[in-house]
Each structure stands twice: as structure tokens, then as C-alpha cells.
Amino acid sequence: MTLGKHKIRGITLKGIKVLPASEFEQMMTDAQYRKTYITTASGDRWFVYFEHLFFGKVEAVYSRDKKIVITAYHPK
């Protein structure tokens, strides 16, 4: 999976495969998303959730060490 496969309202991810967590989180903050909670996911990964007042929730999948964001998307 890659970040660029999905669209997140308010930010551009076209052509991006993965990002360092700090860079992704800065993009989310700049677009006025805020991190709401973190939980474990299958495959030794982490789900990190962000919310936006107008655009809704985003689910991001982080690597085991939480240093890389593998993919992110608006859940249906």
C-alpha cells in the first residue's frame, strides 16, 4: 500500500509512497487535522486516527516503530 493511492481531503499525497511520521503529522497539522488516538493493527503495525472539523476522520497505518506512515485514508 502507498499513501499516494488514497486521497485525504485538505492535503496532496499524489506520488508519495511512504513518509516519515513527523513529516506526515506536520502535513496533517498544517491542514488542521488533529491526532485523536492510537491503537494496534494487524502485522505489528499501528492505526493512528486524525480528525478534522469539516473533512472527518482519517485512519493512518504506521510501521511497528511508529516512524513511517505506510498509508492513510478516509474510512467509509
N, C-alpha and C. Protein backbone atom coordinates (compact mmCIF):
# COMPACT_ATOMS: atom_id res chain seq x y z
N MET A 1 0.83 -1.19 0.00
CA MET A 1 0.00 0.00 0.00
C MET A 1 0.88 1.25 0.00
N THR A 2 0.35 2.28 -0.55
CA THR A 2 1.09 3.55 -0.56
C THR A 2 0.16 4.69 -0.19
N LEU A 3 0.75 5.73 0.33
CA LEU A 3 -0.04 6.92 0.65
C LEU A 3 -0.70 7.49 -0.60
N GLY A 4 0.02 7.53 -1.71
CA GLY A 4 -0.48 8.14 -2.92
C GLY A 4 -1.68 7.44 -3.56
N LYS A 5 -2.02 6.24 -3.10
CA LYS A 5 -3.19 5.54 -3.64
C LYS A 5 -4.49 6.15 -3.14
N HIS A 6 -4.44 6.88 -2.04
CA HIS A 6 -5.64 7.40 -1.40
C HIS A 6 -5.64 8.92 -1.43
N LYS A 7 -6.81 9.49 -1.28
CA LYS A 7 -6.96 10.94 -1.21
C LYS A 7 -7.39 11.32 0.20
N ILE A 8 -6.73 12.30 0.75
CA ILE A 8 -7.11 12.85 2.04
C ILE A 8 -7.49 14.30 1.80
N ARG A 9 -8.71 14.62 2.13
CA ARG A 9 -9.19 15.97 1.88
C ARG A 9 -8.34 16.98 2.64
N GLY A 10 -7.86 17.98 1.91
CA GLY A 10 -7.08 19.05 2.52
C GLY A 10 -5.58 18.92 2.34
N ILE A 11 -5.09 17.74 1.88
CA ILE A 11 -3.66 17.59 1.63
C ILE A 11 -3.43 16.84 0.32
N THR A 12 -2.24 16.98 -0.26
CA THR A 12 -1.89 16.33 -1.51
C THR A 12 -0.87 15.23 -1.23
N LEU A 13 -1.19 14.01 -1.65
CA LEU A 13 -0.30 12.87 -1.46
C LEU A 13 0.12 12.23 -2.78
N LYS A 14 -0.27 12.81 -3.90
CA LYS A 14 -0.02 12.21 -5.21
C LYS A 14 1.46 11.85 -5.38
N GLY A 15 1.71 10.61 -5.72
CA GLY A 15 3.07 10.14 -5.99
C GLY A 15 3.89 9.80 -4.75
N ILE A 16 3.34 9.98 -3.56
CA ILE A 16 4.08 9.68 -2.33
C ILE A 16 3.85 8.21 -1.97
N LYS A 17 4.92 7.49 -1.72
CA LYS A 17 4.78 6.08 -1.35
C LYS A 17 4.68 5.90 0.15
N VAL A 18 5.62 6.41 0.90
CA VAL A 18 5.58 6.40 2.36
C VAL A 18 6.21 7.72 2.83
N LEU A 19 5.96 8.08 4.08
CA LEU A 19 6.54 9.31 4.63
C LEU A 19 7.02 9.05 6.05
N PRO A 20 8.07 9.77 6.47
CA PRO A 20 8.40 9.75 7.89
C PRO A 20 7.20 10.26 8.68
N ALA A 21 6.94 9.67 9.83
CA ALA A 21 5.78 10.06 10.63
C ALA A 21 5.78 11.55 10.94
N SER A 22 6.93 12.11 11.27
CA SER A 22 6.99 13.53 11.62
C SER A 22 6.55 14.42 10.46
N GLU A 23 6.94 14.06 9.24
CA GLU A 23 6.56 14.84 8.06
C GLU A 23 5.05 14.71 7.78
N PHE A 24 4.53 13.49 7.87
CA PHE A 24 3.10 13.27 7.65
C PHE A 24 2.29 14.02 8.70
N GLU A 25 2.68 13.92 9.95
CA GLU A 25 1.94 14.59 11.02
C GLU A 25 1.98 16.11 10.87
N GLN A 26 3.07 16.65 10.36
CA GLN A 26 3.14 18.09 10.10
C GLN A 26 2.18 18.47 8.98
N MET A 27 2.10 17.64 7.93
CA MET A 27 1.14 17.90 6.85
C MET A 27 -0.29 17.89 7.38
N MET A 28 -0.59 16.93 8.24
CA MET A 28 -1.93 16.84 8.82
C MET A 28 -2.23 18.05 9.70
N THR A 29 -1.28 18.45 10.51
CA THR A 29 -1.45 19.62 11.37
C THR A 29 -1.65 20.88 10.53
N ASP A 30 -0.86 21.03 9.49
CA ASP A 30 -0.99 22.20 8.61
C ASP A 30 -2.36 22.26 7.95
N ALA A 31 -2.97 21.08 7.71
CA ALA A 31 -4.31 21.02 7.11
C ALA A 31 -5.41 21.04 8.18
N GLN A 32 -5.03 21.28 9.42
CA GLN A 32 -5.94 21.43 10.56
C GLN A 32 -6.57 20.12 11.02
N TYR A 33 -5.88 19.01 10.81
CA TYR A 33 -6.28 17.74 11.41
C TYR A 33 -5.62 17.66 12.78
N ARG A 34 -6.24 16.90 13.69
CA ARG A 34 -5.60 16.68 14.98
C ARG A 34 -5.62 15.19 15.29
N LYS A 35 -4.53 14.71 15.87
CA LYS A 35 -4.42 13.30 16.23
C LYS A 35 -5.36 13.03 17.40
N THR A 36 -6.18 11.98 17.28
CA THR A 36 -7.15 11.70 18.34
C THR A 36 -6.81 10.46 19.15
N TYR A 37 -6.38 9.37 18.50
CA TYR A 37 -5.98 8.20 19.27
C TYR A 37 -5.17 7.22 18.43
N ILE A 38 -4.54 6.27 19.12
CA ILE A 38 -3.67 5.27 18.51
C ILE A 38 -4.10 3.90 19.03
N THR A 39 -4.09 2.90 18.14
CA THR A 39 -4.40 1.53 18.56
C THR A 39 -3.58 0.56 17.71
N THR A 40 -3.44 -0.66 18.17
CA THR A 40 -2.67 -1.65 17.42
C THR A 40 -3.46 -2.13 16.21
N ALA A 41 -2.71 -2.54 15.19
CA ALA A 41 -3.29 -3.10 13.98
C ALA A 41 -2.61 -4.43 13.72
N SER A 42 -3.13 -5.20 12.79
CA SER A 42 -2.51 -6.49 12.48
C SER A 42 -1.14 -6.27 11.84
N GLY A 43 -0.31 -7.29 11.93
CA GLY A 43 1.01 -7.22 11.31
C GLY A 43 1.98 -6.31 12.01
N ASP A 44 1.86 -6.19 13.32
CA ASP A 44 2.78 -5.33 14.09
C ASP A 44 2.80 -3.89 13.60
N ARG A 45 1.66 -3.40 13.23
CA ARG A 45 1.52 -2.01 12.80
C ARG A 45 0.60 -1.28 13.76
N TRP A 46 0.47 0.01 13.53
CA TRP A 46 -0.36 0.87 14.39
C TRP A 46 -1.35 1.65 13.55
N PHE A 47 -2.58 1.77 14.03
CA PHE A 47 -3.54 2.70 13.47
C PHE A 47 -3.44 3.99 14.27
N VAL A 48 -3.31 5.10 13.57
CA VAL A 48 -3.34 6.41 14.21
C VAL A 48 -4.48 7.18 13.55
N TYR A 49 -5.36 7.72 14.37
CA TYR A 49 -6.55 8.40 13.87
C TYR A 49 -6.41 9.91 14.01
N PHE A 50 -6.85 10.60 12.98
CA PHE A 50 -6.86 12.06 12.95
C PHE A 50 -8.28 12.51 12.64
N GLU A 51 -8.67 13.65 13.19
CA GLU A 51 -9.99 14.20 12.89
C GLU A 51 -9.86 15.65 12.43
N HIS A 52 -10.81 16.04 11.61
CA HIS A 52 -10.88 17.40 11.08
C HIS A 52 -12.31 17.89 11.26
N LEU A 53 -12.46 19.14 11.57
CA LEU A 53 -13.79 19.70 11.81
C LEU A 53 -14.72 19.52 10.61
N PHE A 54 -14.21 19.67 9.39
CA PHE A 54 -15.05 19.60 8.19
C PHE A 54 -14.84 18.34 7.36
N PHE A 55 -13.63 17.78 7.35
CA PHE A 55 -13.30 16.67 6.46
C PHE A 55 -13.51 15.30 7.09
N GLY A 56 -13.76 15.23 8.37
CA GLY A 56 -13.99 13.94 9.02
C GLY A 56 -12.72 13.25 9.46
N LYS A 57 -12.85 11.93 9.69
CA LYS A 57 -11.76 11.13 10.26
C LYS A 57 -10.83 10.58 9.18
N VAL A 58 -9.54 10.44 9.53
CA VAL A 58 -8.55 9.79 8.70
C VAL A 58 -7.91 8.68 9.53
N GLU A 59 -7.77 7.50 8.93
CA GLU A 59 -7.05 6.39 9.54
C GLU A 59 -5.69 6.30 8.86
N ALA A 60 -4.63 6.33 9.63
CA ALA A 60 -3.28 6.19 9.10
C ALA A 60 -2.66 4.92 9.66
N VAL A 61 -1.93 4.21 8.82
CA VAL A 61 -1.25 3.00 9.26
C VAL A 61 0.24 3.31 9.36
N TYR A 62 0.78 3.12 10.56
CA TYR A 62 2.18 3.38 10.85
C TYR A 62 2.94 2.06 10.98
N SER A 63 4.24 2.13 10.76
CA SER A 63 5.11 0.97 10.95
C SER A 63 5.18 0.58 12.42
N ARG A 64 5.75 -0.56 12.69
CA ARG A 64 5.86 -1.08 14.05
C ARG A 64 6.51 -0.08 15.00
N ASP A 65 7.55 0.61 14.53
CA ASP A 65 8.26 1.57 15.39
C ASP A 65 7.64 2.97 15.36
N LYS A 66 6.55 3.14 14.65
CA LYS A 66 5.81 4.40 14.52
C LYS A 66 6.62 5.52 13.87
N LYS A 67 7.63 5.16 13.09
CA LYS A 67 8.47 6.16 12.44
C LYS A 67 8.08 6.41 10.98
N ILE A 68 7.33 5.47 10.37
CA ILE A 68 6.96 5.58 8.96
C ILE A 68 5.44 5.45 8.83
N VAL A 69 4.85 6.30 7.99
CA VAL A 69 3.43 6.18 7.68
C VAL A 69 3.34 5.45 6.34
N ILE A 70 2.65 4.32 6.37
CA ILE A 70 2.56 3.45 5.21
C ILE A 70 1.40 3.85 4.31
N THR A 71 0.25 4.11 4.91
CA THR A 71 -0.92 4.53 4.13
C THR A 71 -1.86 5.31 5.05
N ALA A 72 -2.76 6.06 4.46
CA ALA A 72 -3.76 6.81 5.21
C ALA A 72 -4.96 7.04 4.31
N TYR A 73 -6.15 7.07 4.91
CA TYR A 73 -7.36 7.18 4.11
C TYR A 73 -8.53 7.62 4.98
N HIS A 74 -9.57 8.11 4.33
CA HIS A 74 -10.83 8.40 4.99
C HIS A 74 -11.64 7.10 5.00
N PRO A 75 -12.01 6.57 6.16
CA PRO A 75 -12.80 5.33 6.17
C PRO A 75 -14.21 5.59 5.63
N LYS A 76 -14.80 4.58 5.09
CA LYS A 76 -16.15 4.71 4.54
C LYS A 76 -17.19 4.53 5.60
